Amino acid sequence: MKNAIVLLASIALATNAGAQTRFNSQPGKSSVKLQGSSTFHDWEMEGRVIGGYFELGSGVAIDAAKGAITGLKGEVLPATVRANISLTTIHSKAEHLPEVMDNLMLGYMNATNYPTIRYISSSLTVTNSGPGKPFECSATGDLSIAGVTNKMTFPVTLAMPDPTHLEAAGTVHFKMTDFKVSPPAPHPLGLPTMKCGDDITIIFDWVLQKR
């Protein structure tokens, strides 16, 4: 009987050691910014909600204090990453009539049919690390906007402020036309045509908690 208990305990420990570790999004804890330009002025939109999860592969563990990750495949971090941002949670930071910009964004991005920006990572490579510092990574994955999906590669930092939280932060640059979105050119309040630039920047700080 004693040997059976010891065997079961060993199996349980081995299973736990090889289990995947999932971190789920924390509602209202994250931030995302969309930045661009126009013939009138630069513009910015901001949201506080990023959905999804970040799941470390079997046997992968992050030691932020030592600046080390166990379970790497060379420099590749075995992980499954799914992120999504609802367009209705992003709002203009304009001082005057911000709802006009909100409605423009929803209309030009066809939010009725494609209400969410989605990202699925296919590769995450650690490029630099150090004790007590965020891990610098290169992320490659599929970014879907307005019904169009493009493969994007961009820098990401990973930090663990405590053993139960993971924070992923990064900046993504792309063009609206890459996703078949025409840069808005409205006629606000009868003024001469305002035309938005094609270049867009997404800046995100994604906070997740261990499940």
N, C-alpha and C. Protein backbone atom coordinates (compact mmCIF):
# COMPACT_ATOMS: atom_id res chain seq x y z
N MET A 1 0.83 -1.20 0.00
CA MET A 1 0.00 0.00 0.00
C MET A 1 0.87 1.26 0.00
N LYS A 2 1.92 1.23 0.82
CA LYS A 2 2.81 2.37 0.91
C LYS A 2 3.49 2.63 -0.43
N ASN A 3 3.92 1.52 -1.08
CA ASN A 3 4.58 1.66 -2.38
C ASN A 3 3.63 2.25 -3.43
N ALA A 4 2.34 1.87 -3.34
CA ALA A 4 1.35 2.39 -4.28
C ALA A 4 1.16 3.88 -4.09
N ILE A 5 1.13 4.32 -2.85
CA ILE A 5 0.97 5.76 -2.57
C ILE A 5 2.15 6.55 -3.10
N VAL A 6 3.35 6.01 -2.87
CA VAL A 6 4.56 6.67 -3.36
C VAL A 6 4.54 6.76 -4.88
N LEU A 7 4.11 5.67 -5.55
CA LEU A 7 4.04 5.66 -7.01
C LEU A 7 3.06 6.70 -7.53
N LEU A 8 1.87 6.78 -6.89
CA LEU A 8 0.86 7.75 -7.32
C LEU A 8 1.36 9.17 -7.13
N ALA A 9 2.05 9.41 -6.02
CA ALA A 9 2.59 10.75 -5.76
C ALA A 9 3.63 11.13 -6.80
N SER A 10 4.47 10.15 -7.18
CA SER A 10 5.50 10.41 -8.18
C SER A 10 4.88 10.73 -9.53
N ILE A 11 3.83 10.00 -9.89
CA ILE A 11 3.14 10.25 -11.16
C ILE A 11 2.52 11.64 -11.16
N ALA A 12 1.91 12.02 -10.05
CA ALA A 12 1.28 13.34 -9.94
C ALA A 12 2.30 14.46 -10.08
N LEU A 13 3.48 14.29 -9.44
CA LEU A 13 4.52 15.30 -9.53
C LEU A 13 5.06 15.41 -10.95
N ALA A 14 5.25 14.25 -11.60
CA ALA A 14 5.76 14.25 -12.97
C ALA A 14 4.77 14.90 -13.92
N THR A 15 3.48 14.63 -13.72
CA THR A 15 2.44 15.22 -14.57
C THR A 15 2.41 16.72 -14.41
N ASN A 16 2.50 17.19 -13.17
CA ASN A 16 2.46 18.62 -12.89
C ASN A 16 3.67 19.32 -13.48
N ALA A 17 4.85 18.63 -13.38
CA ALA A 17 6.08 19.24 -13.88
C ALA A 17 6.01 19.43 -15.39
N GLY A 18 5.28 18.55 -16.07
CA GLY A 18 5.22 18.65 -17.52
C GLY A 18 3.99 19.36 -18.03
N ALA A 19 3.16 19.86 -17.12
CA ALA A 19 1.90 20.49 -17.52
C ALA A 19 2.14 21.85 -18.14
N GLN A 20 1.21 22.25 -19.00
CA GLN A 20 1.25 23.59 -19.57
C GLN A 20 0.78 24.60 -18.54
N THR A 21 1.32 25.80 -18.62
CA THR A 21 0.94 26.87 -17.69
C THR A 21 0.23 27.96 -18.47
N ARG A 22 -1.02 28.20 -18.13
CA ARG A 22 -1.80 29.20 -18.86
C ARG A 22 -1.97 30.47 -18.03
N PHE A 23 -1.78 31.60 -18.69
CA PHE A 23 -2.04 32.91 -18.11
C PHE A 23 -3.20 33.52 -18.90
N ASN A 24 -4.25 33.89 -18.20
CA ASN A 24 -5.43 34.48 -18.83
C ASN A 24 -5.44 36.00 -18.69
N SER A 25 -6.04 36.67 -19.66
CA SER A 25 -6.14 38.13 -19.62
C SER A 25 -6.87 38.60 -18.39
N GLN A 26 -6.44 39.77 -17.89
CA GLN A 26 -7.09 40.39 -16.76
C GLN A 26 -7.93 41.57 -17.24
N PRO A 27 -9.26 41.48 -17.12
CA PRO A 27 -10.13 42.55 -17.61
C PRO A 27 -9.77 43.91 -17.00
N GLY A 28 -9.60 44.89 -17.86
CA GLY A 28 -9.35 46.26 -17.39
C GLY A 28 -7.94 46.53 -16.91
N LYS A 29 -7.06 45.54 -16.93
CA LYS A 29 -5.69 45.74 -16.44
C LYS A 29 -4.72 46.10 -17.56
N SER A 30 -5.09 45.80 -18.80
CA SER A 30 -4.20 46.02 -19.93
C SER A 30 -4.45 47.38 -20.57
N SER A 31 -3.62 47.71 -21.54
CA SER A 31 -3.85 48.94 -22.30
C SER A 31 -3.41 48.72 -23.75
N VAL A 32 -4.12 49.35 -24.66
CA VAL A 32 -3.77 49.29 -26.07
C VAL A 32 -4.01 50.67 -26.69
N LYS A 33 -3.07 51.12 -27.51
CA LYS A 33 -3.19 52.42 -28.16
C LYS A 33 -3.03 52.24 -29.67
N LEU A 34 -3.87 52.95 -30.41
CA LEU A 34 -3.75 53.04 -31.86
C LEU A 34 -3.36 54.47 -32.18
N GLN A 35 -2.27 54.64 -32.92
CA GLN A 35 -1.78 55.97 -33.25
C GLN A 35 -1.62 56.13 -34.75
N GLY A 36 -1.93 57.33 -35.22
CA GLY A 36 -1.78 57.61 -36.64
C GLY A 36 -1.68 59.11 -36.88
N SER A 37 -1.75 59.50 -38.12
CA SER A 37 -1.62 60.92 -38.48
C SER A 37 -2.74 61.32 -39.43
N SER A 38 -2.88 62.62 -39.64
CA SER A 38 -3.83 63.14 -40.62
C SER A 38 -3.31 64.48 -41.11
N THR A 39 -3.97 65.03 -42.09
CA THR A 39 -3.56 66.33 -42.63
C THR A 39 -3.82 67.45 -41.63
N PHE A 40 -4.65 67.19 -40.61
CA PHE A 40 -4.93 68.19 -39.57
C PHE A 40 -4.00 68.03 -38.37
N HIS A 41 -3.87 66.81 -37.89
CA HIS A 41 -3.08 66.56 -36.68
C HIS A 41 -2.92 65.05 -36.49
N ASP A 42 -1.98 64.69 -35.63
CA ASP A 42 -1.84 63.30 -35.25
C ASP A 42 -3.04 62.91 -34.38
N TRP A 43 -3.36 61.62 -34.35
CA TRP A 43 -4.49 61.17 -33.55
C TRP A 43 -4.12 59.91 -32.76
N GLU A 44 -4.89 59.65 -31.72
CA GLU A 44 -4.65 58.49 -30.87
C GLU A 44 -5.98 57.95 -30.34
N MET A 45 -6.08 56.63 -30.30
CA MET A 45 -7.23 55.97 -29.70
C MET A 45 -6.71 54.99 -28.65
N GLU A 46 -7.51 54.77 -27.62
CA GLU A 46 -7.01 53.96 -26.51
C GLU A 46 -8.09 53.02 -25.97
N GLY A 47 -7.67 51.86 -25.53
CA GLY A 47 -8.57 50.90 -24.89
C GLY A 47 -7.90 50.26 -23.69
N ARG A 48 -8.71 49.61 -22.87
CA ARG A 48 -8.19 48.99 -21.64
C ARG A 48 -8.44 47.49 -21.60
N VAL A 49 -8.89 46.92 -22.71
CA VAL A 49 -9.28 45.50 -22.70
C VAL A 49 -8.57 44.74 -23.82
N ILE A 50 -7.80 43.73 -23.45
CA ILE A 50 -7.22 42.78 -24.39
C ILE A 50 -7.62 41.40 -23.89
N GLY A 51 -8.34 40.65 -24.70
CA GLY A 51 -8.76 39.32 -24.32
C GLY A 51 -7.78 38.26 -24.78
N GLY A 52 -7.99 37.02 -24.33
CA GLY A 52 -7.18 35.92 -24.79
C GLY A 52 -6.33 35.30 -23.70
N TYR A 53 -5.27 34.60 -24.13
CA TYR A 53 -4.43 33.91 -23.16
C TYR A 53 -3.02 33.71 -23.72
N PHE A 54 -2.10 33.42 -22.81
CA PHE A 54 -0.70 33.13 -23.13
C PHE A 54 -0.37 31.84 -22.40
N GLU A 55 -0.14 30.77 -23.14
CA GLU A 55 0.07 29.45 -22.54
C GLU A 55 1.48 28.96 -22.81
N LEU A 56 2.24 28.75 -21.74
CA LEU A 56 3.59 28.21 -21.87
C LEU A 56 3.51 26.72 -22.14
N GLY A 57 4.41 26.22 -22.97
CA GLY A 57 4.42 24.82 -23.32
C GLY A 57 4.80 23.92 -22.16
N SER A 58 4.62 22.63 -22.35
CA SER A 58 4.93 21.65 -21.32
C SER A 58 6.41 21.73 -20.91
N GLY A 59 6.63 21.85 -19.60
CA GLY A 59 7.99 21.90 -19.09
C GLY A 59 8.65 23.26 -19.15
N VAL A 60 7.94 24.29 -19.61
CA VAL A 60 8.51 25.64 -19.71
C VAL A 60 8.24 26.41 -18.42
N ALA A 61 9.27 27.03 -17.88
CA ALA A 61 9.12 27.84 -16.66
C ALA A 61 9.98 29.09 -16.78
N ILE A 62 9.45 30.20 -16.34
CA ILE A 62 10.15 31.48 -16.42
C ILE A 62 10.65 31.87 -15.03
N ASP A 63 11.96 32.14 -14.93
CA ASP A 63 12.56 32.62 -13.68
C ASP A 63 13.03 34.05 -13.94
N ALA A 64 12.17 35.02 -13.60
CA ALA A 64 12.48 36.41 -13.91
C ALA A 64 13.68 36.91 -13.11
N ALA A 65 13.81 36.46 -11.86
CA ALA A 65 14.91 36.93 -11.01
C ALA A 65 16.26 36.54 -11.60
N LYS A 66 16.35 35.33 -12.15
CA LYS A 66 17.60 34.85 -12.73
C LYS A 66 17.73 35.20 -14.21
N GLY A 67 16.64 35.67 -14.80
CA GLY A 67 16.67 35.98 -16.22
C GLY A 67 16.84 34.73 -17.06
N ALA A 68 16.17 33.64 -16.65
CA ALA A 68 16.32 32.37 -17.34
C ALA A 68 14.95 31.75 -17.61
N ILE A 69 14.88 31.02 -18.71
CA ILE A 69 13.68 30.27 -19.07
C ILE A 69 14.08 28.83 -19.33
N THR A 70 13.49 27.90 -18.58
CA THR A 70 13.74 26.49 -18.82
C THR A 70 12.75 25.97 -19.85
N GLY A 71 13.19 25.00 -20.62
CA GLY A 71 12.30 24.41 -21.61
C GLY A 71 12.36 25.05 -22.98
N LEU A 72 13.33 25.96 -23.21
CA LEU A 72 13.47 26.57 -24.53
C LEU A 72 13.91 25.53 -25.55
N LYS A 73 13.48 25.69 -26.79
CA LYS A 73 13.93 24.86 -27.89
C LYS A 73 14.93 25.69 -28.68
N GLY A 74 16.18 25.66 -28.24
CA GLY A 74 17.16 26.60 -28.78
C GLY A 74 16.85 27.96 -28.20
N GLU A 75 16.46 28.90 -29.06
CA GLU A 75 16.03 30.22 -28.59
C GLU A 75 14.52 30.40 -28.68
N VAL A 76 13.83 29.38 -29.16
CA VAL A 76 12.39 29.45 -29.35
C VAL A 76 11.66 29.11 -28.05
N LEU A 77 10.71 29.97 -27.69
CA LEU A 77 9.90 29.75 -26.50
C LEU A 77 8.63 29.00 -26.89
N PRO A 78 8.50 27.73 -26.47
CA PRO A 78 7.28 26.98 -26.78
C PRO A 78 6.08 27.60 -26.05
N ALA A 79 5.20 28.21 -26.80
CA ALA A 79 4.05 28.89 -26.19
C ALA A 79 2.94 29.02 -27.22
N THR A 80 1.72 29.07 -26.71
CA THR A 80 0.55 29.33 -27.55
C THR A 80 -0.04 30.67 -27.12
N VAL A 81 -0.15 31.59 -28.06
CA VAL A 81 -0.62 32.94 -27.74
C VAL A 81 -1.83 33.28 -28.60
N ARG A 82 -2.91 33.69 -27.95
CA ARG A 82 -4.12 34.14 -28.63
C ARG A 82 -4.55 35.46 -27.99
N ALA A 83 -4.64 36.50 -28.78
CA ALA A 83 -5.06 37.81 -28.26
C ALA A 83 -6.15 38.39 -29.14
N ASN A 84 -7.08 39.10 -28.52
CA ASN A 84 -8.14 39.75 -29.29
C ASN A 84 -8.55 41.07 -28.64
N ILE A 85 -8.88 42.02 -29.49
CA ILE A 85 -9.29 43.35 -29.03
C ILE A 85 -10.59 43.72 -29.72
N SER A 86 -11.63 43.95 -28.95
CA SER A 86 -12.91 44.37 -29.52
C SER A 86 -12.83 45.84 -29.92
N LEU A 87 -13.21 46.15 -31.15
CA LEU A 87 -13.12 47.53 -31.64
C LEU A 87 -13.98 48.49 -30.83
N THR A 88 -15.07 47.99 -30.26
CA THR A 88 -15.97 48.88 -29.50
C THR A 88 -15.37 49.29 -28.15
N THR A 89 -14.23 48.67 -27.76
CA THR A 89 -13.59 49.05 -26.49
C THR A 89 -12.50 50.09 -26.70
N ILE A 90 -12.27 50.50 -27.98
CA ILE A 90 -11.24 51.48 -28.29
C ILE A 90 -11.90 52.82 -28.58
N HIS A 91 -11.38 53.88 -27.93
CA HIS A 91 -12.03 55.18 -28.06
C HIS A 91 -11.01 56.29 -28.32
N SER A 92 -11.47 57.30 -29.05
CA SER A 92 -10.62 58.42 -29.40
C SER A 92 -10.22 59.23 -28.17
N LYS A 93 -9.00 59.79 -28.21
CA LYS A 93 -8.51 60.66 -27.14
C LYS A 93 -8.66 62.14 -27.53
N ALA A 94 -9.38 62.42 -28.60
CA ALA A 94 -9.56 63.81 -29.05
C ALA A 94 -10.32 64.62 -28.01
N GLU A 95 -9.96 65.89 -27.89
CA GLU A 95 -10.61 66.77 -26.92
C GLU A 95 -12.03 67.12 -27.37
N HIS A 96 -12.24 67.22 -28.66
CA HIS A 96 -13.54 67.63 -29.17
C HIS A 96 -14.15 66.52 -30.04
N LEU A 97 -15.40 66.23 -29.78
CA LEU A 97 -16.17 65.26 -30.56
C LEU A 97 -15.43 63.93 -30.78
N PRO A 98 -14.96 63.29 -29.70
CA PRO A 98 -14.24 62.02 -29.86
C PRO A 98 -15.12 60.93 -30.48
N GLU A 99 -16.44 61.05 -30.29
CA GLU A 99 -17.33 60.03 -30.84
C GLU A 99 -17.32 60.02 -32.37
N VAL A 100 -16.96 61.17 -32.98
CA VAL A 100 -16.85 61.22 -34.44
C VAL A 100 -15.73 60.29 -34.92
N MET A 101 -14.59 60.36 -34.23
CA MET A 101 -13.46 59.49 -34.58
C MET A 101 -13.81 58.04 -34.30
N ASP A 102 -14.51 57.78 -33.20
CA ASP A 102 -14.92 56.41 -32.88
C ASP A 102 -15.76 55.82 -34.00
N ASN A 103 -16.73 56.59 -34.45
CA ASN A 103 -17.63 56.10 -35.51
C ASN A 103 -16.91 55.93 -36.84
N LEU A 104 -15.97 56.84 -37.14
CA LEU A 104 -15.17 56.70 -38.35
C LEU A 104 -14.39 55.39 -38.35
N MET A 105 -13.73 55.11 -37.21
CA MET A 105 -12.94 53.90 -37.08
C MET A 105 -13.80 52.66 -37.26
N LEU A 106 -14.96 52.63 -36.61
CA LEU A 106 -15.85 51.47 -36.71
C LEU A 106 -16.36 51.28 -38.14
N GLY A 107 -16.64 52.38 -38.81
CA GLY A 107 -17.16 52.30 -40.17
C GLY A 107 -16.11 51.84 -41.17
N TYR A 108 -14.94 52.49 -41.14
CA TYR A 108 -13.91 52.16 -42.12
C TYR A 108 -13.31 50.77 -41.89
N MET A 109 -13.37 50.26 -40.65
CA MET A 109 -12.84 48.93 -40.37
C MET A 109 -13.92 47.85 -40.44
N ASN A 110 -15.10 48.24 -40.93
CA ASN A 110 -16.19 47.30 -41.13
C ASN A 110 -16.45 46.48 -39.85
N ALA A 111 -16.61 47.21 -38.75
CA ALA A 111 -16.76 46.57 -37.44
C ALA A 111 -18.04 45.74 -37.34
N THR A 112 -19.02 46.04 -38.16
CA THR A 112 -20.26 45.25 -38.12
C THR A 112 -19.98 43.79 -38.47
N ASN A 113 -19.14 43.58 -39.47
CA ASN A 113 -18.81 42.22 -39.90
C ASN A 113 -17.54 41.66 -39.25
N TYR A 114 -16.63 42.56 -38.87
CA TYR A 114 -15.35 42.13 -38.28
C TYR A 114 -15.09 42.98 -37.03
N PRO A 115 -15.76 42.67 -35.93
CA PRO A 115 -15.72 43.51 -34.74
C PRO A 115 -14.46 43.39 -33.88
N THR A 116 -13.54 42.50 -34.27
CA THR A 116 -12.41 42.20 -33.39
C THR A 116 -11.10 42.17 -34.14
N ILE A 117 -10.07 42.75 -33.54
CA ILE A 117 -8.69 42.57 -34.00
C ILE A 117 -8.17 41.30 -33.33
N ARG A 118 -7.62 40.38 -34.11
CA ARG A 118 -7.15 39.11 -33.55
C ARG A 118 -5.69 38.89 -33.89
N TYR A 119 -5.00 38.24 -32.94
CA TYR A 119 -3.60 37.89 -33.16
C TYR A 119 -3.36 36.47 -32.66
N ILE A 120 -2.72 35.65 -33.48
CA ILE A 120 -2.35 34.28 -33.12
C ILE A 120 -0.86 34.12 -33.39
N SER A 121 -0.10 33.84 -32.35
CA SER A 121 1.35 33.71 -32.51
C SER A 121 1.71 32.34 -33.07
N SER A 122 2.66 32.33 -33.99
CA SER A 122 3.17 31.06 -34.52
C SER A 122 4.62 30.83 -34.12
N SER A 123 5.29 31.87 -33.62
CA SER A 123 6.68 31.73 -33.20
C SER A 123 7.05 32.84 -32.24
N LEU A 124 7.75 32.48 -31.17
CA LEU A 124 8.21 33.46 -30.18
C LEU A 124 9.66 33.11 -29.85
N THR A 125 10.57 34.00 -30.22
CA THR A 125 11.99 33.74 -30.06
C THR A 125 12.59 34.71 -29.06
N VAL A 126 13.32 34.19 -28.07
CA VAL A 126 13.97 35.03 -27.08
C VAL A 126 15.25 35.58 -27.68
N THR A 127 15.40 36.90 -27.70
CA THR A 127 16.56 37.53 -28.31
C THR A 127 17.54 38.10 -27.29
N ASN A 128 17.06 38.36 -26.08
CA ASN A 128 17.94 38.91 -25.04
C ASN A 128 17.30 38.72 -23.68
N SER A 129 18.12 38.50 -22.66
CA SER A 129 17.60 38.33 -21.30
C SER A 129 18.68 38.72 -20.29
N GLY A 130 18.23 38.97 -19.07
CA GLY A 130 19.16 39.32 -18.00
C GLY A 130 18.45 39.29 -16.67
N PRO A 131 19.15 39.02 -15.58
CA PRO A 131 18.53 38.94 -14.26
C PRO A 131 17.74 40.20 -13.91
N GLY A 132 16.47 40.02 -13.55
CA GLY A 132 15.63 41.15 -13.13
C GLY A 132 15.17 42.04 -14.26
N LYS A 133 15.44 41.66 -15.51
CA LYS A 133 15.02 42.48 -16.65
C LYS A 133 13.97 41.73 -17.47
N PRO A 134 13.10 42.46 -18.16
CA PRO A 134 12.15 41.78 -19.05
C PRO A 134 12.89 41.00 -20.13
N PHE A 135 12.31 39.89 -20.55
CA PHE A 135 12.87 39.12 -21.65
C PHE A 135 12.52 39.80 -22.97
N GLU A 136 13.51 40.02 -23.81
CA GLU A 136 13.27 40.60 -25.12
C GLU A 136 13.04 39.47 -26.13
N CYS A 137 11.97 39.58 -26.88
CA CYS A 137 11.60 38.52 -27.81
C CYS A 137 11.23 39.09 -29.17
N SER A 138 11.21 38.21 -30.15
CA SER A 138 10.69 38.52 -31.48
C SER A 138 9.48 37.63 -31.71
N ALA A 139 8.33 38.23 -31.94
CA ALA A 139 7.09 37.47 -32.10
C ALA A 139 6.66 37.50 -33.56
N THR A 140 6.31 36.33 -34.07
CA THR A 140 5.77 36.22 -35.42
C THR A 140 4.42 35.53 -35.34
N GLY A 141 3.43 36.08 -36.03
CA GLY A 141 2.11 35.47 -35.98
C GLY A 141 1.17 36.11 -36.98
N ASP A 142 -0.08 35.69 -36.92
CA ASP A 142 -1.10 36.17 -37.84
C ASP A 142 -1.94 37.26 -37.19
N LEU A 143 -1.93 38.44 -37.79
CA LEU A 143 -2.74 39.57 -37.32
C LEU A 143 -3.92 39.73 -38.27
N SER A 144 -5.13 39.68 -37.72
CA SER A 144 -6.34 39.78 -38.52
C SER A 144 -7.09 41.07 -38.21
N ILE A 145 -7.31 41.87 -39.24
CA ILE A 145 -8.02 43.14 -39.12
C ILE A 145 -8.96 43.28 -40.30
N ALA A 146 -10.21 43.62 -40.03
CA ALA A 146 -11.20 43.88 -41.09
C ALA A 146 -11.31 42.72 -42.08
N GLY A 147 -11.17 41.50 -41.58
CA GLY A 147 -11.34 40.33 -42.44
C GLY A 147 -10.12 39.93 -43.23
N VAL A 148 -9.01 40.64 -43.05
CA VAL A 148 -7.76 40.33 -43.75
C VAL A 148 -6.71 39.89 -42.74
N THR A 149 -5.97 38.84 -43.05
CA THR A 149 -4.94 38.32 -42.15
C THR A 149 -3.57 38.44 -42.80
N ASN A 150 -2.63 39.04 -42.07
CA ASN A 150 -1.25 39.16 -42.52
C ASN A 150 -0.30 38.61 -41.46
N LYS A 151 0.80 38.03 -41.91
CA LYS A 151 1.82 37.56 -40.97
C LYS A 151 2.70 38.74 -40.60
N MET A 152 2.87 38.96 -39.30
CA MET A 152 3.63 40.10 -38.81
C MET A 152 4.71 39.62 -37.84
N THR A 153 5.85 40.30 -37.86
CA THR A 153 6.93 40.06 -36.90
C THR A 153 7.24 41.37 -36.20
N PHE A 154 7.27 41.36 -34.88
CA PHE A 154 7.51 42.58 -34.13
C PHE A 154 8.14 42.25 -32.77
N PRO A 155 8.83 43.22 -32.13
CA PRO A 155 9.47 42.97 -30.85
C PRO A 155 8.46 42.97 -29.70
N VAL A 156 8.70 42.10 -28.74
CA VAL A 156 7.85 41.98 -27.56
C VAL A 156 8.75 41.79 -26.34
N THR A 157 8.35 42.37 -25.22
CA THR A 157 9.04 42.09 -23.96
C THR A 157 8.10 41.30 -23.05
N LEU A 158 8.67 40.36 -22.32
CA LEU A 158 7.91 39.57 -21.35
C LEU A 158 8.47 39.82 -19.96
N ALA A 159 7.59 40.10 -19.03
CA ALA A 159 8.00 40.34 -17.65
C ALA A 159 7.08 39.59 -16.71
N MET A 160 7.63 39.18 -15.56
CA MET A 160 6.83 38.55 -14.51
C MET A 160 7.04 39.33 -13.23
N PRO A 161 6.17 40.30 -12.94
CA PRO A 161 6.32 41.10 -11.73
C PRO A 161 6.18 40.28 -10.46
N ASP A 162 5.47 39.15 -10.55
CA ASP A 162 5.36 38.19 -9.45
C ASP A 162 5.05 36.83 -10.08
N PRO A 163 5.11 35.74 -9.30
CA PRO A 163 4.96 34.39 -9.88
C PRO A 163 3.61 34.12 -10.53
N THR A 164 2.60 34.94 -10.26
CA THR A 164 1.26 34.66 -10.79
C THR A 164 0.85 35.58 -11.93
N HIS A 165 1.71 36.52 -12.31
CA HIS A 165 1.35 37.46 -13.36
C HIS A 165 2.41 37.51 -14.47
N LEU A 166 1.92 37.65 -15.69
CA LEU A 166 2.77 37.79 -16.87
C LEU A 166 2.36 39.06 -17.59
N GLU A 167 3.35 39.81 -18.05
CA GLU A 167 3.07 41.05 -18.76
C GLU A 167 3.81 41.06 -20.09
N ALA A 168 3.06 41.17 -21.17
CA ALA A 168 3.65 41.22 -22.51
C ALA A 168 3.41 42.61 -23.09
N ALA A 169 4.47 43.24 -23.56
CA ALA A 169 4.36 44.60 -24.10
C ALA A 169 5.08 44.68 -25.44
N GLY A 170 4.54 45.48 -26.35
CA GLY A 170 5.19 45.60 -27.65
C GLY A 170 4.59 46.68 -28.51
N THR A 171 5.18 46.87 -29.67
CA THR A 171 4.74 47.88 -30.63
C THR A 171 4.70 47.25 -32.02
N VAL A 172 3.59 47.47 -32.72
CA VAL A 172 3.40 46.90 -34.05
C VAL A 172 3.15 48.04 -35.04
N HIS A 173 3.88 48.03 -36.15
CA HIS A 173 3.70 49.04 -37.20
C HIS A 173 3.15 48.36 -38.46
N PHE A 174 2.18 48.99 -39.08
CA PHE A 174 1.65 48.47 -40.34
C PHE A 174 0.91 49.58 -41.08
N LYS A 175 0.42 49.27 -42.25
CA LYS A 175 -0.35 50.23 -43.04
C LYS A 175 -1.81 49.76 -43.11
N MET A 176 -2.73 50.72 -43.09
CA MET A 176 -4.14 50.38 -43.23
C MET A 176 -4.39 49.59 -44.51
N THR A 177 -3.74 50.03 -45.58
CA THR A 177 -3.98 49.39 -46.87
C THR A 177 -3.47 47.95 -46.92
N ASP A 178 -2.56 47.59 -46.00
CA ASP A 178 -2.13 46.18 -45.91
C ASP A 178 -3.31 45.28 -45.59
N PHE A 179 -4.31 45.86 -44.93
CA PHE A 179 -5.49 45.10 -44.53
C PHE A 179 -6.73 45.54 -45.33
N LYS A 180 -6.46 46.15 -46.48
CA LYS A 180 -7.52 46.58 -47.40
C LYS A 180 -8.48 47.58 -46.74
N VAL A 181 -7.95 48.39 -45.83
CA VAL A 181 -8.72 49.46 -45.20
C VAL A 181 -8.27 50.78 -45.83
N SER A 182 -9.20 51.54 -46.37
CA SER A 182 -8.87 52.83 -46.97
C SER A 182 -8.69 53.88 -45.88
N PRO A 183 -7.59 54.64 -45.89
CA PRO A 183 -7.42 55.70 -44.90
C PRO A 183 -8.60 56.68 -44.96
N PRO A 184 -9.24 56.94 -43.82
CA PRO A 184 -10.42 57.82 -43.81
C PRO A 184 -10.11 59.21 -44.37
N ALA A 185 -11.07 59.75 -45.11
CA ALA A 185 -10.97 61.11 -45.63
C ALA A 185 -12.32 61.79 -45.47
N PRO A 186 -12.73 62.08 -44.22
CA PRO A 186 -14.06 62.65 -43.96
C PRO A 186 -14.09 64.17 -44.19
N HIS A 187 -15.28 64.74 -44.08
CA HIS A 187 -15.47 66.19 -44.16
C HIS A 187 -16.08 66.65 -42.83
N PRO A 188 -15.26 66.77 -41.76
CA PRO A 188 -15.82 67.11 -40.46
C PRO A 188 -16.38 68.52 -40.38
N LEU A 189 -17.64 68.62 -40.03
CA LEU A 189 -18.28 69.91 -39.77
C LEU A 189 -18.12 70.89 -40.93
N GLY A 190 -18.12 70.35 -42.17
CA GLY A 190 -18.03 71.23 -43.34
C GLY A 190 -16.66 71.77 -43.63
N LEU A 191 -15.63 71.33 -42.86
CA LEU A 191 -14.27 71.81 -43.08
C LEU A 191 -13.68 71.12 -44.32
N PRO A 192 -12.57 71.65 -44.84
CA PRO A 192 -11.92 70.99 -45.97
C PRO A 192 -11.59 69.54 -45.63
N THR A 193 -11.48 68.73 -46.66
CA THR A 193 -11.28 67.30 -46.46
C THR A 193 -10.07 67.01 -45.58
N MET A 194 -10.29 66.22 -44.55
CA MET A 194 -9.21 65.73 -43.71
C MET A 194 -8.87 64.33 -44.19
N LYS A 195 -7.60 64.06 -44.42
CA LYS A 195 -7.19 62.74 -44.87
C LYS A 195 -6.23 62.13 -43.86
N CYS A 196 -6.54 60.90 -43.43
CA CYS A 196 -5.68 60.20 -42.49
C CYS A 196 -4.52 59.55 -43.23
N GLY A 197 -3.38 59.47 -42.56
CA GLY A 197 -2.23 58.78 -43.13
C GLY A 197 -2.45 57.27 -43.13
N ASP A 198 -1.68 56.58 -43.95
CA ASP A 198 -1.80 55.12 -44.10
C ASP A 198 -1.15 54.37 -42.94
N ASP A 199 -0.12 54.94 -42.35
CA ASP A 199 0.65 54.24 -41.32
C ASP A 199 -0.06 54.23 -39.97
N ILE A 200 -0.07 53.04 -39.35
CA ILE A 200 -0.70 52.86 -38.05
C ILE A 200 0.30 52.19 -37.09
N THR A 201 0.24 52.60 -35.84
CA THR A 201 1.05 51.98 -34.79
C THR A 201 0.13 51.49 -33.68
N ILE A 202 0.32 50.23 -33.29
CA ILE A 202 -0.39 49.69 -32.12
C ILE A 202 0.63 49.50 -31.01
N ILE A 203 0.37 50.08 -29.86
CA ILE A 203 1.22 49.92 -28.68
C ILE A 203 0.39 49.21 -27.62
N PHE A 204 0.87 48.08 -27.13
CA PHE A 204 0.08 47.33 -26.17
C PHE A 204 0.87 46.95 -24.93
N ASP A 205 0.17 46.86 -23.83
CA ASP A 205 0.71 46.37 -22.56
C ASP A 205 -0.33 45.39 -22.01
N TRP A 206 -0.05 44.11 -22.16
CA TRP A 206 -1.03 43.04 -21.92
C TRP A 206 -0.72 42.38 -20.58
N VAL A 207 -1.65 42.48 -19.64
CA VAL A 207 -1.47 41.91 -18.30
C VAL A 207 -2.31 40.65 -18.16
N LEU A 208 -1.66 39.56 -17.74
CA LEU A 208 -2.32 38.27 -17.60
C LEU A 208 -2.06 37.66 -16.23
N GLN A 209 -2.96 36.82 -15.79
CA GLN A 209 -2.82 36.16 -14.49
C GLN A 209 -2.83 34.65 -14.65
N LYS A 210 -1.98 34.00 -13.88
CA LYS A 210 -1.88 32.54 -13.94
C LYS A 210 -3.20 31.90 -13.54
N ARG A 211 -3.62 30.95 -14.35
CA ARG A 211 -4.90 30.28 -14.10
C ARG A 211 -4.78 29.33 -12.93
